[in-house]
PDB file of all heavy atoms in Angstrom:
ATOM      1  N   GLY A   1     -48.834  30.903 -16.117  1.00  0.00           N
ATOM      2  CA  GLY A   1     -48.405  29.676 -15.461  1.00  0.00           C
ATOM      3  C   GLY A   1     -47.339  29.886 -14.394  1.00  0.00           C
ATOM      4  O   GLY A   1     -46.842  31.002 -14.193  1.00  0.00           O
ATOM      5  N   PRO A   2     -46.961  28.804 -13.699  1.00  0.00           N
ATOM      6  CA  PRO A   2     -45.982  28.896 -12.608  1.00  0.00           C
ATOM      7  C   PRO A   2     -44.589  29.228 -13.119  1.00  0.00           C
ATOM      8  O   PRO A   2     -44.214  28.884 -14.237  1.00  0.00           O
ATOM      9  CB  PRO A   2     -46.023  27.489 -11.987  1.00  0.00           C
ATOM     10  CG  PRO A   2     -46.482  26.606 -13.099  1.00  0.00           C
ATOM     11  CD  PRO A   2     -47.442  27.423 -13.912  1.00  0.00           C
ATOM     12  N   ARG A   3     -43.846  29.892 -12.250  1.00  0.00           N
ATOM     13  CA  ARG A   3     -42.484  30.297 -12.582  1.00  0.00           C
ATOM     14  C   ARG A   3     -41.513  29.769 -11.531  1.00  0.00           C
ATOM     15  O   ARG A   3     -41.915  29.340 -10.445  1.00  0.00           O
ATOM     16  CB  ARG A   3     -42.371  31.822 -12.692  1.00  0.00           C
ATOM     17  CG  ARG A   3     -43.205  32.395 -13.840  1.00  0.00           C
ATOM     18  CD  ARG A   3     -43.195  33.911 -13.884  1.00  0.00           C
ATOM     19  NE  ARG A   3     -44.006  34.420 -14.994  1.00  0.00           N
ATOM     20  CZ  ARG A   3     -43.524  34.749 -16.191  1.00  0.00           C
ATOM     21  NH1 ARG A   3     -42.197  34.642 -16.406  1.00  0.00           N
ATOM     22  NH2 ARG A   3     -44.316  35.196 -17.138  1.00  0.00           N
ATOM     23  N   GLY A   4     -40.243  29.832 -11.855  1.00  0.00           N
ATOM     24  CA  GLY A   4     -39.238  29.340 -10.926  1.00  0.00           C
ATOM     25  C   GLY A   4     -37.882  29.958 -11.195  1.00  0.00           C
ATOM     26  O   GLY A   4     -37.764  30.950 -11.923  1.00  0.00           O
ATOM     27  N   THR A   5     -36.842  29.345 -10.621  1.00  0.00           N
ATOM     28  CA  THR A   5     -35.477  29.868 -10.702  1.00  0.00           C
ATOM     29  C   THR A   5     -34.568  28.836 -11.340  1.00  0.00           C
ATOM     30  O   THR A   5     -34.601  27.654 -10.979  1.00  0.00           O
ATOM     31  CB  THR A   5     -34.947  30.211  -9.299  1.00  0.00           C
ATOM     32  OG1 THR A   5     -35.766  31.236  -8.730  1.00  0.00           O
ATOM     33  CG2 THR A   5     -33.504  30.691  -9.354  1.00  0.00           C
ATOM     34  N   LEU A   6     -33.755  29.287 -12.285  1.00  0.00           N
ATOM     35  CA  LEU A   6     -32.747  28.438 -12.909  1.00  0.00           C
ATOM     36  C   LEU A   6     -31.374  28.887 -12.435  1.00  0.00           C
ATOM     37  O   LEU A   6     -31.003  30.058 -12.596  1.00  0.00           O
ATOM     38  CB  LEU A   6     -32.831  28.526 -14.432  1.00  0.00           C
ATOM     39  CG  LEU A   6     -31.857  27.650 -15.222  1.00  0.00           C
ATOM     40  CD1 LEU A   6     -32.185  26.173 -15.015  1.00  0.00           C
ATOM     41  CD2 LEU A   6     -31.900  28.001 -16.710  1.00  0.00           C
ATOM     42  N   VAL A   7     -30.632  27.979 -11.830  1.00  0.00           N
ATOM     43  CA  VAL A   7     -29.274  28.269 -11.367  1.00  0.00           C
ATOM     44  C   VAL A   7     -28.296  27.674 -12.370  1.00  0.00           C
ATOM     45  O   VAL A   7     -28.366  26.477 -12.677  1.00  0.00           O
ATOM     46  CB  VAL A   7     -29.021  27.679  -9.966  1.00  0.00           C
ATOM     47  CG1 VAL A   7     -27.600  27.990  -9.497  1.00  0.00           C
ATOM     48  CG2 VAL A   7     -30.048  28.219  -8.969  1.00  0.00           C
ATOM     49  N   VAL A   8     -27.403  28.507 -12.873  1.00  0.00           N
ATOM     50  CA  VAL A   8     -26.435  28.071 -13.881  1.00  0.00           C
ATOM     51  C   VAL A   8     -25.029  28.203 -13.309  1.00  0.00           C
ATOM     52  O   VAL A   8     -24.624  29.291 -12.895  1.00  0.00           O
ATOM     53  CB  VAL A   8     -26.550  28.886 -15.185  1.00  0.00           C
ATOM     54  CG1 VAL A   8     -25.568  28.362 -16.230  1.00  0.00           C
ATOM     55  CG2 VAL A   8     -27.977  28.843 -15.724  1.00  0.00           C
ATOM     56  N   GLU A   9     -24.303  27.084 -13.307  1.00  0.00           N
ATOM     57  CA  GLU A   9     -22.914  27.069 -12.836  1.00  0.00           C
ATOM     58  C   GLU A   9     -22.006  26.583 -13.960  1.00  0.00           C
ATOM     59  O   GLU A   9     -22.443  25.821 -14.835  1.00  0.00           O
ATOM     60  CB  GLU A   9     -22.776  26.141 -11.624  1.00  0.00           C
ATOM     61  CG  GLU A   9     -23.658  26.527 -10.447  1.00  0.00           C
ATOM     62  CD  GLU A   9     -23.601  25.495  -9.332  1.00  0.00           C
ATOM     63  OE1 GLU A   9     -23.304  24.313  -9.632  1.00  0.00           O
ATOM     64  OE2 GLU A   9     -23.870  25.858  -8.175  1.00  0.00           O
ATOM     65  N   THR A  10     -20.768  27.020 -13.935  1.00  0.00           N
ATOM     66  CA  THR A  10     -19.795  26.569 -14.931  1.00  0.00           C
ATOM     67  C   THR A  10     -18.476  26.243 -14.252  1.00  0.00           C
ATOM     68  O   THR A  10     -18.170  26.728 -13.161  1.00  0.00           O
ATOM     69  CB  THR A  10     -19.536  27.652 -15.996  1.00  0.00           C
ATOM     70  OG1 THR A  10     -18.940  28.808 -15.381  1.00  0.00           O
ATOM     71  CG2 THR A  10     -20.811  28.051 -16.700  1.00  0.00           C
ATOM     72  N   ASP A  11     -17.718  25.405 -14.908  1.00  0.00           N
ATOM     73  CA  ASP A  11     -16.357  25.112 -14.486  1.00  0.00           C
ATOM     74  C   ASP A  11     -15.437  25.357 -15.687  1.00  0.00           C
ATOM     75  O   ASP A  11     -15.521  24.639 -16.684  1.00  0.00           O
ATOM     76  CB  ASP A  11     -16.232  23.658 -14.023  1.00  0.00           C
ATOM     77  CG  ASP A  11     -14.838  23.330 -13.492  1.00  0.00           C
ATOM     78  OD1 ASP A  11     -14.072  24.283 -13.190  1.00  0.00           O
ATOM     79  OD2 ASP A  11     -14.515  22.135 -13.390  1.00  0.00           O
ATOM     80  N   PRO A  12     -14.599  26.415 -15.629  1.00  0.00           N
ATOM     81  CA  PRO A  12     -14.392  27.332 -14.507  1.00  0.00           C
ATOM     82  C   PRO A  12     -15.522  28.354 -14.376  1.00  0.00           C
ATOM     83  O   PRO A  12     -16.289  28.567 -15.311  1.00  0.00           O
ATOM     84  CB  PRO A  12     -13.079  28.029 -14.873  1.00  0.00           C
ATOM     85  CG  PRO A  12     -13.072  28.031 -16.355  1.00  0.00           C
ATOM     86  CD  PRO A  12     -13.707  26.726 -16.773  1.00  0.00           C
ATOM     87  N   ALA A  13     -15.576  28.980 -13.191  1.00  0.00           N
ATOM     88  CA  ALA A  13     -16.577  30.015 -12.939  1.00  0.00           C
ATOM     89  C   ALA A  13     -16.174  31.304 -13.654  1.00  0.00           C
ATOM     90  O   ALA A  13     -15.066  31.442 -14.159  1.00  0.00           O
ATOM     91  CB  ALA A  13     -16.701  30.247 -11.437  1.00  0.00           C
ATOM     92  N   GLY A  14     -17.095  32.254 -13.668  1.00  0.00           N
ATOM     93  CA  GLY A  14     -16.797  33.562 -14.243  1.00  0.00           C
ATOM     94  C   GLY A  14     -17.205  33.725 -15.690  1.00  0.00           C
ATOM     95  O   GLY A  14     -16.976  34.771 -16.282  1.00  0.00           O
ATOM     96  N   ALA A  15     -17.824  32.703 -16.277  1.00  0.00           N
ATOM     97  CA  ALA A  15     -18.276  32.807 -17.668  1.00  0.00           C
ATOM     98  C   ALA A  15     -19.530  33.665 -17.738  1.00  0.00           C
ATOM     99  O   ALA A  15     -20.351  33.677 -16.818  1.00  0.00           O
ATOM    100  CB  ALA A  15     -18.558  31.417 -18.230  1.00  0.00           C
ATOM    101  N   GLU A  16     -19.688  34.366 -18.846  1.00  0.00           N
ATOM    102  CA  GLU A  16     -20.896  35.167 -19.030  1.00  0.00           C
ATOM    103  C   GLU A  16     -22.048  34.249 -19.435  1.00  0.00           C
ATOM    104  O   GLU A  16     -21.915  33.442 -20.352  1.00  0.00           O
ATOM    105  CB  GLU A  16     -20.683  36.232 -20.105  1.00  0.00           C
ATOM    106  CG  GLU A  16     -21.890  37.138 -20.276  1.00  0.00           C
ATOM    107  CD  GLU A  16     -21.668  38.269 -21.261  1.00  0.00           C
ATOM    108  OE1 GLU A  16     -20.560  38.332 -21.846  1.00  0.00           O
ATOM    109  OE2 GLU A  16     -22.592  39.071 -21.460  1.00  0.00           O
ATOM    110  N   ILE A  17     -23.173  34.399 -18.745  1.00  0.00           N
ATOM    111  CA  ILE A  17     -24.319  33.520 -18.936  1.00  0.00           C
ATOM    112  C   ILE A  17     -25.470  34.284 -19.587  1.00  0.00           C
ATOM    113  O   ILE A  17     -25.879  35.345 -19.119  1.00  0.00           O
ATOM    114  CB  ILE A  17     -24.806  32.939 -17.594  1.00  0.00           C
ATOM    115  CG1 ILE A  17     -23.667  32.202 -16.887  1.00  0.00           C
ATOM    116  CG2 ILE A  17     -26.006  32.026 -17.809  1.00  0.00           C
ATOM    117  CD1 ILE A  17     -23.118  31.030 -17.648  1.00  0.00           C
ATOM    118  N   TYR A  18     -25.968  33.718 -20.678  1.00  0.00           N
ATOM    119  CA  TYR A  18     -27.186  34.210 -21.321  1.00  0.00           C
ATOM    120  C   TYR A  18     -28.269  33.140 -21.153  1.00  0.00           C
ATOM    121  O   TYR A  18     -27.992  31.957 -21.326  1.00  0.00           O
ATOM    122  CB  TYR A  18     -26.984  34.428 -22.812  1.00  0.00           C
ATOM    123  CG  TYR A  18     -25.939  35.443 -23.213  1.00  0.00           C
ATOM    124  CD1 TYR A  18     -24.580  35.159 -23.094  1.00  0.00           C
ATOM    125  CD2 TYR A  18     -26.316  36.673 -23.743  1.00  0.00           C
ATOM    126  CE1 TYR A  18     -23.629  36.081 -23.478  1.00  0.00           C
ATOM    127  CE2 TYR A  18     -25.364  37.600 -24.143  1.00  0.00           C
ATOM    128  CZ  TYR A  18     -24.023  37.296 -24.010  1.00  0.00           C
ATOM    129  OH  TYR A  18     -23.071  38.210 -24.392  1.00  0.00           O
ATOM    130  N   VAL A  19     -29.470  33.567 -20.850  1.00  0.00           N
ATOM    131  CA  VAL A  19     -30.615  32.660 -20.837  1.00  0.00           C
ATOM    132  C   VAL A  19     -31.665  33.250 -21.765  1.00  0.00           C
ATOM    133  O   VAL A  19     -32.098  34.399 -21.578  1.00  0.00           O
ATOM    134  CB  VAL A  19     -31.183  32.462 -19.418  1.00  0.00           C
ATOM    135  CG1 VAL A  19     -32.432  31.573 -19.463  1.00  0.00           C
ATOM    136  CG2 VAL A  19     -30.133  31.847 -18.502  1.00  0.00           C
ATOM    137  N   ASP A  20     -32.026  32.498 -22.784  1.00  0.00           N
ATOM    138  CA  ASP A  20     -32.992  32.925 -23.795  1.00  0.00           C
ATOM    139  C   ASP A  20     -32.569  34.240 -24.447  1.00  0.00           C
ATOM    140  O   ASP A  20     -33.400  35.113 -24.750  1.00  0.00           O
ATOM    141  CB  ASP A  20     -34.396  33.054 -23.182  1.00  0.00           C
ATOM    142  CG  ASP A  20     -34.891  31.746 -22.594  1.00  0.00           C
ATOM    143  OD1 ASP A  20     -34.453  30.683 -23.074  1.00  0.00           O
ATOM    144  OD2 ASP A  20     -35.701  31.781 -21.649  1.00  0.00           O
ATOM    145  N   GLY A  21     -31.250  34.392 -24.632  1.00  0.00           N
ATOM    146  CA  GLY A  21     -30.719  35.554 -25.338  1.00  0.00           C
ATOM    147  C   GLY A  21     -30.432  36.760 -24.474  1.00  0.00           C
ATOM    148  O   GLY A  21     -29.903  37.755 -24.968  1.00  0.00           O
ATOM    149  N   ARG A  22     -30.722  36.705 -23.185  1.00  0.00           N
ATOM    150  CA  ARG A  22     -30.478  37.840 -22.291  1.00  0.00           C
ATOM    151  C   ARG A  22     -29.314  37.534 -21.361  1.00  0.00           C
ATOM    152  O   ARG A  22     -29.232  36.449 -20.778  1.00  0.00           O
ATOM    153  CB  ARG A  22     -31.732  38.141 -21.463  1.00  0.00           C
ATOM    154  CG  ARG A  22     -31.552  39.309 -20.506  1.00  0.00           C
ATOM    155  CD  ARG A  22     -32.821  39.562 -19.706  1.00  0.00           C
ATOM    156  NE  ARG A  22     -32.629  40.638 -18.741  1.00  0.00           N
ATOM    157  CZ  ARG A  22     -33.548  41.032 -17.866  1.00  0.00           C
ATOM    158  NH1 ARG A  22     -34.733  40.437 -17.857  1.00  0.00           N
ATOM    159  NH2 ARG A  22     -33.293  42.005 -17.015  1.00  0.00           N
ATOM    160  N   SER A  23     -28.400  38.496 -21.224  1.00  0.00           N
ATOM    161  CA  SER A  23     -27.227  38.314 -20.374  1.00  0.00           C
ATOM    162  C   SER A  23     -27.595  38.507 -18.905  1.00  0.00           C
ATOM    163  O   SER A  23     -28.284  39.476 -18.550  1.00  0.00           O
ATOM    164  CB  SER A  23     -26.134  39.309 -20.760  1.00  0.00           C
ATOM    165  OG  SER A  23     -25.050  39.251 -19.847  1.00  0.00           O
ATOM    166  N   TYR A  24     -27.122  37.584 -18.058  1.00  0.00           N
ATOM    167  CA  TYR A  24     -27.402  37.654 -16.629  1.00  0.00           C
ATOM    168  C   TYR A  24     -26.135  37.791 -15.786  1.00  0.00           C
ATOM    169  O   TYR A  24     -26.192  37.651 -14.572  1.00  0.00           O
ATOM    170  CB  TYR A  24     -28.195  36.428 -16.180  1.00  0.00           C
ATOM    171  CG  TYR A  24     -29.642  36.492 -16.610  1.00  0.00           C
ATOM    172  CD1 TYR A  24     -30.055  35.947 -17.821  1.00  0.00           C
ATOM    173  CD2 TYR A  24     -30.599  37.121 -15.821  1.00  0.00           C
ATOM    174  CE1 TYR A  24     -31.380  36.018 -18.229  1.00  0.00           C
ATOM    175  CE2 TYR A  24     -31.936  37.189 -16.218  1.00  0.00           C
ATOM    176  CZ  TYR A  24     -32.311  36.638 -17.422  1.00  0.00           C
ATOM    177  OH  TYR A  24     -33.630  36.723 -17.817  1.00  0.00           O
ATOM    178  N   GLY A  25     -24.999  38.035 -16.405  1.00  0.00           N
ATOM    179  CA  GLY A  25     -23.785  38.244 -15.643  1.00  0.00           C
ATOM    180  C   GLY A  25     -22.913  37.007 -15.583  1.00  0.00           C
ATOM    181  O   GLY A  25     -23.191  35.987 -16.222  1.00  0.00           O
TER     182      GLY A  25
END
């Protein structure tokens, strides 16, 4: 199926982001 991009922002910035259990920085 089709795929896309998820943009994750936080306040404050600099938090470590995991999506579906994988770290993305």
